[in-house]
Amino acid sequence: MPNAKKVKDYIRTIVDFPHEGIMFRDVTTLFADPRGLRLAVDQLLHPYAGMEIDKVVGLEARGFILGGAVAHQLGKGFVPIRKKGKLPGAVISEEYQLEYGEAIVEIHDDAIAPGEKVLLVDDLLATGGTAEAGIRLIERLGGEIVGCAFVIDLPDIGGRARLEALGMDVHALCAFEGD
């Protein structure tokens, strides 16, 4: 089908959001379209089909939507990594740098057992800071990361190189240059 839509075709760009000079890549239009959502989920899990995976971990917040769907398709459990103070049980935390300060993400301290194989999922890979913090949390619990899957890669910002330097297998469905 030469005219079939690709994942990138479902993503809307909003100029100057959240501030001037930013080209915001909005995946809500992808999520709202049943074909687009199915295409994204199928393509996110495709490279990992047949691999041993015990848990899918999603990064707050859009990673929850994608990660939950991927976990469902794989028949595996889903684990959220959330912003500080959002999880009700005992947690471990990881601080990371943002371009305007710091942030902290957390995971339940019993969410991943040592040796479990984990697939990390999120919508967007920019600097890689949030993903790296998630990787550290998973590894602190003894999880083994089999891959990191994203809908969008912004290669000019360097997140892919950052994660690959950590030895991670990075899979992205599309890229937007110059962001």
Protein backbone atom coordinates (compact mmCIF):
# COMPACT_ATOMS: atom_id res chain seq x y z
CA MET A 1 0.00 0.00 0.00
CA PRO A 2 2.07 2.94 -1.28
CA ASN A 3 -0.22 5.57 0.29
CA ALA A 4 -0.51 3.93 3.70
CA LYS A 5 -0.02 6.35 6.56
CA LYS A 6 3.08 6.04 8.73
CA VAL A 7 3.22 6.74 12.46
CA LYS A 8 4.84 10.11 11.76
CA ASP A 9 1.82 11.12 9.66
CA TYR A 10 -0.45 10.95 12.73
CA ILE A 11 1.71 13.28 14.85
CA ARG A 12 0.80 16.95 14.87
CA THR A 13 3.37 19.71 15.29
CA ILE A 14 2.42 22.72 17.38
CA VAL A 15 4.68 25.71 16.77
CA ASP A 16 5.93 27.79 19.72
CA PHE A 17 4.60 25.47 22.45
CA PRO A 18 5.24 25.57 25.39
CA HIS A 19 7.24 28.68 24.45
CA GLU A 20 8.62 30.47 21.42
CA GLY A 21 11.05 28.53 19.27
CA ILE A 22 9.79 25.06 20.29
CA MET A 23 8.25 22.71 17.75
CA PHE A 24 6.09 20.53 20.01
CA ARG A 25 5.45 17.03 18.66
CA ASP A 26 1.95 16.16 19.84
CA VAL A 27 1.21 12.43 20.04
CA THR A 28 -2.36 12.93 21.25
CA THR A 29 -3.46 12.98 17.60
CA LEU A 30 -1.72 9.62 17.15
CA PHE A 31 -3.44 8.21 20.24
CA ALA A 32 -6.86 9.51 19.16
CA ASP A 33 -6.78 7.66 15.85
CA PRO A 34 -7.49 3.91 16.24
CA ARG A 35 -5.32 3.00 13.23
CA GLY A 36 -2.51 5.27 14.35
CA LEU A 37 -2.53 3.93 17.90
CA ARG A 38 -2.56 0.31 16.74
CA LEU A 39 0.22 1.01 14.25
CA ALA A 40 2.38 2.63 16.94
CA VAL A 41 1.85 -0.14 19.48
CA ASP A 42 2.48 -2.87 16.92
CA GLN A 43 5.66 -1.19 15.70
CA LEU A 44 6.91 -0.52 19.23
CA LEU A 45 6.70 -4.18 20.19
CA HIS A 46 7.71 -5.71 16.84
CA PRO A 47 11.50 -5.71 17.41
CA TYR A 48 10.97 -7.44 20.75
CA ALA A 49 8.48 -10.11 19.65
CA GLY A 50 9.84 -13.50 20.64
CA MET A 51 12.31 -12.03 23.12
CA GLU A 52 12.13 -12.91 26.79
CA ILE A 53 10.40 -9.97 28.47
CA ASP A 54 8.92 -10.08 31.96
CA LYS A 55 7.75 -6.48 32.43
CA VAL A 56 7.10 -3.37 30.39
CA VAL A 57 7.99 -0.11 32.13
CA GLY A 58 6.40 3.17 31.02
CA LEU A 59 7.65 6.66 31.84
CA GLU A 60 5.14 9.24 33.04
CA ALA A 61 2.81 10.12 31.48
CA ARG A 62 2.42 9.21 27.81
CA GLY A 63 4.65 6.19 28.37
CA PHE A 64 1.82 4.80 30.50
CA ILE A 65 -0.54 4.77 27.51
CA LEU A 66 1.97 3.15 25.18
CA GLY A 67 3.59 0.87 27.74
CA GLY A 68 0.25 -0.41 28.99
CA ALA A 69 -0.83 -1.26 25.46
CA VAL A 70 2.51 -2.94 24.65
CA ALA A 71 2.36 -4.95 27.90
CA HIS A 72 -1.17 -6.06 27.05
CA GLN A 73 -0.14 -7.18 23.57
CA LEU A 74 2.85 -9.09 24.97
CA GLY A 75 0.79 -10.59 27.81
CA LYS A 76 3.19 -9.10 30.38
CA GLY A 77 2.92 -6.92 33.45
CA PHE A 78 3.19 -3.13 33.35
CA VAL A 79 5.18 -0.97 35.77
CA PRO A 80 4.92 2.83 35.92
CA ILE A 81 7.82 5.16 36.67
CA ARG A 82 6.23 8.28 38.13
CA LYS A 83 7.13 11.75 39.24
CA LYS A 84 8.10 12.07 42.90
CA GLY A 85 5.26 11.68 45.37
CA LYS A 86 2.74 9.97 43.04
CA LEU A 87 3.23 6.30 44.01
CA PRO A 88 1.51 5.07 47.20
CA GLY A 89 3.91 2.32 48.32
CA ALA A 90 7.58 2.15 49.27
CA VAL A 91 9.69 3.56 46.44
CA ILE A 92 13.22 4.17 45.30
CA SER A 93 14.01 7.53 43.67
CA GLU A 94 16.36 8.87 41.03
CA GLU A 95 17.15 12.54 40.49
CA TYR A 96 18.06 13.83 37.03
CA GLN A 97 18.77 17.12 35.31
CA LEU A 98 16.33 19.06 33.20
CA GLU A 99 17.31 22.03 31.06
CA TYR A 100 15.73 24.29 33.71
CA GLY A 101 16.50 22.40 36.93
CA GLU A 102 16.12 18.95 38.43
CA ALA A 103 13.39 16.37 38.65
CA ILE A 104 12.91 13.13 40.53
CA VAL A 105 11.22 9.95 39.32
CA GLU A 106 10.25 6.94 41.41
CA ILE A 107 9.36 3.28 41.10
CA HIS A 108 7.87 0.92 43.69
CA ASP A 109 10.74 -0.91 45.37
CA ASP A 110 9.08 -4.28 44.69
CA ALA A 111 7.97 -3.62 41.08
CA ILE A 112 10.81 -5.54 39.41
CA ALA A 113 12.52 -8.66 40.71
CA PRO A 114 16.25 -9.20 40.19
CA GLY A 115 16.91 -10.80 36.80
CA GLU A 116 13.59 -9.81 35.24
CA LYS A 117 13.84 -8.72 31.61
CA VAL A 118 12.40 -5.24 31.08
CA LEU A 119 11.32 -3.21 28.06
CA LEU A 120 11.29 0.58 28.69
CA VAL A 121 8.68 2.56 26.70
CA ASP A 122 7.95 6.26 26.24
CA ASP A 123 6.60 8.58 23.57
CA LEU A 124 9.59 10.86 23.01
CA LEU A 125 13.37 10.65 23.26
CA ALA A 126 14.94 14.12 23.48
CA THR A 127 17.89 14.57 25.89
CA GLY A 128 17.44 11.08 27.34
CA GLY A 129 17.50 12.36 30.92
CA THR A 130 14.19 10.87 32.00
CA ALA A 131 14.91 7.59 30.24
CA GLU A 132 18.36 7.38 31.84
CA ALA A 133 16.83 7.97 35.28
CA GLY A 134 14.32 5.18 34.53
CA ILE A 135 17.15 2.88 33.43
CA ARG A 136 18.99 3.54 36.69
CA LEU A 137 15.88 2.72 38.74
CA ILE A 138 15.29 -0.54 36.85
CA GLU A 139 18.94 -1.56 37.21
CA ARG A 140 18.98 -0.68 40.93
CA LEU A 141 16.15 -3.21 41.38
CA GLY A 142 18.15 -5.81 39.45
CA GLY A 143 16.15 -5.63 36.23
CA GLU A 144 17.85 -6.31 32.90
CA ILE A 145 16.79 -3.90 30.17
CA VAL A 146 16.27 -5.60 26.81
CA GLY A 147 15.44 -2.38 24.99
CA CYS A 148 14.17 1.18 25.07
CA ALA A 149 11.32 1.92 22.64
CA PHE A 150 10.04 5.37 21.69
CA VAL A 151 7.58 6.72 19.16
CA ILE A 152 9.66 9.84 18.41
CA ASP A 153 13.39 10.45 18.42
CA LEU A 154 14.79 13.99 18.27
CA PRO A 155 18.28 12.96 17.13
CA ASP A 156 19.77 16.45 17.14
CA ILE A 157 19.21 16.69 20.91
CA GLY A 158 21.34 13.60 21.63
CA GLY A 159 19.19 11.29 23.72
CA ARG A 160 19.74 8.23 21.52
CA ALA A 161 23.52 8.62 21.71
CA ARG A 162 23.27 9.06 25.48
CA LEU A 163 21.29 5.84 25.94
CA GLU A 164 23.41 3.89 23.45
CA ALA A 165 26.51 5.00 25.39
CA LEU A 166 24.93 3.21 28.38
CA GLY A 167 24.73 0.04 26.26
CA MET A 168 21.01 0.33 25.58
CA ASP A 169 19.27 -0.93 22.45
CA VAL A 170 17.18 2.04 21.27
CA HIS A 171 14.23 1.69 18.91
CA ALA A 172 12.26 4.71 17.63
CA LEU A 173 9.39 4.70 15.14
CA CYS A 174 10.21 8.09 13.61
CA ALA A 175 12.51 11.06 13.95
CA PHE A 176 12.07 14.80 13.64
CA GLU A 177 15.29 16.59 12.70
CA GLY A 178 16.29 20.01 13.99
CA ASP A 179 14.41 19.89 17.26
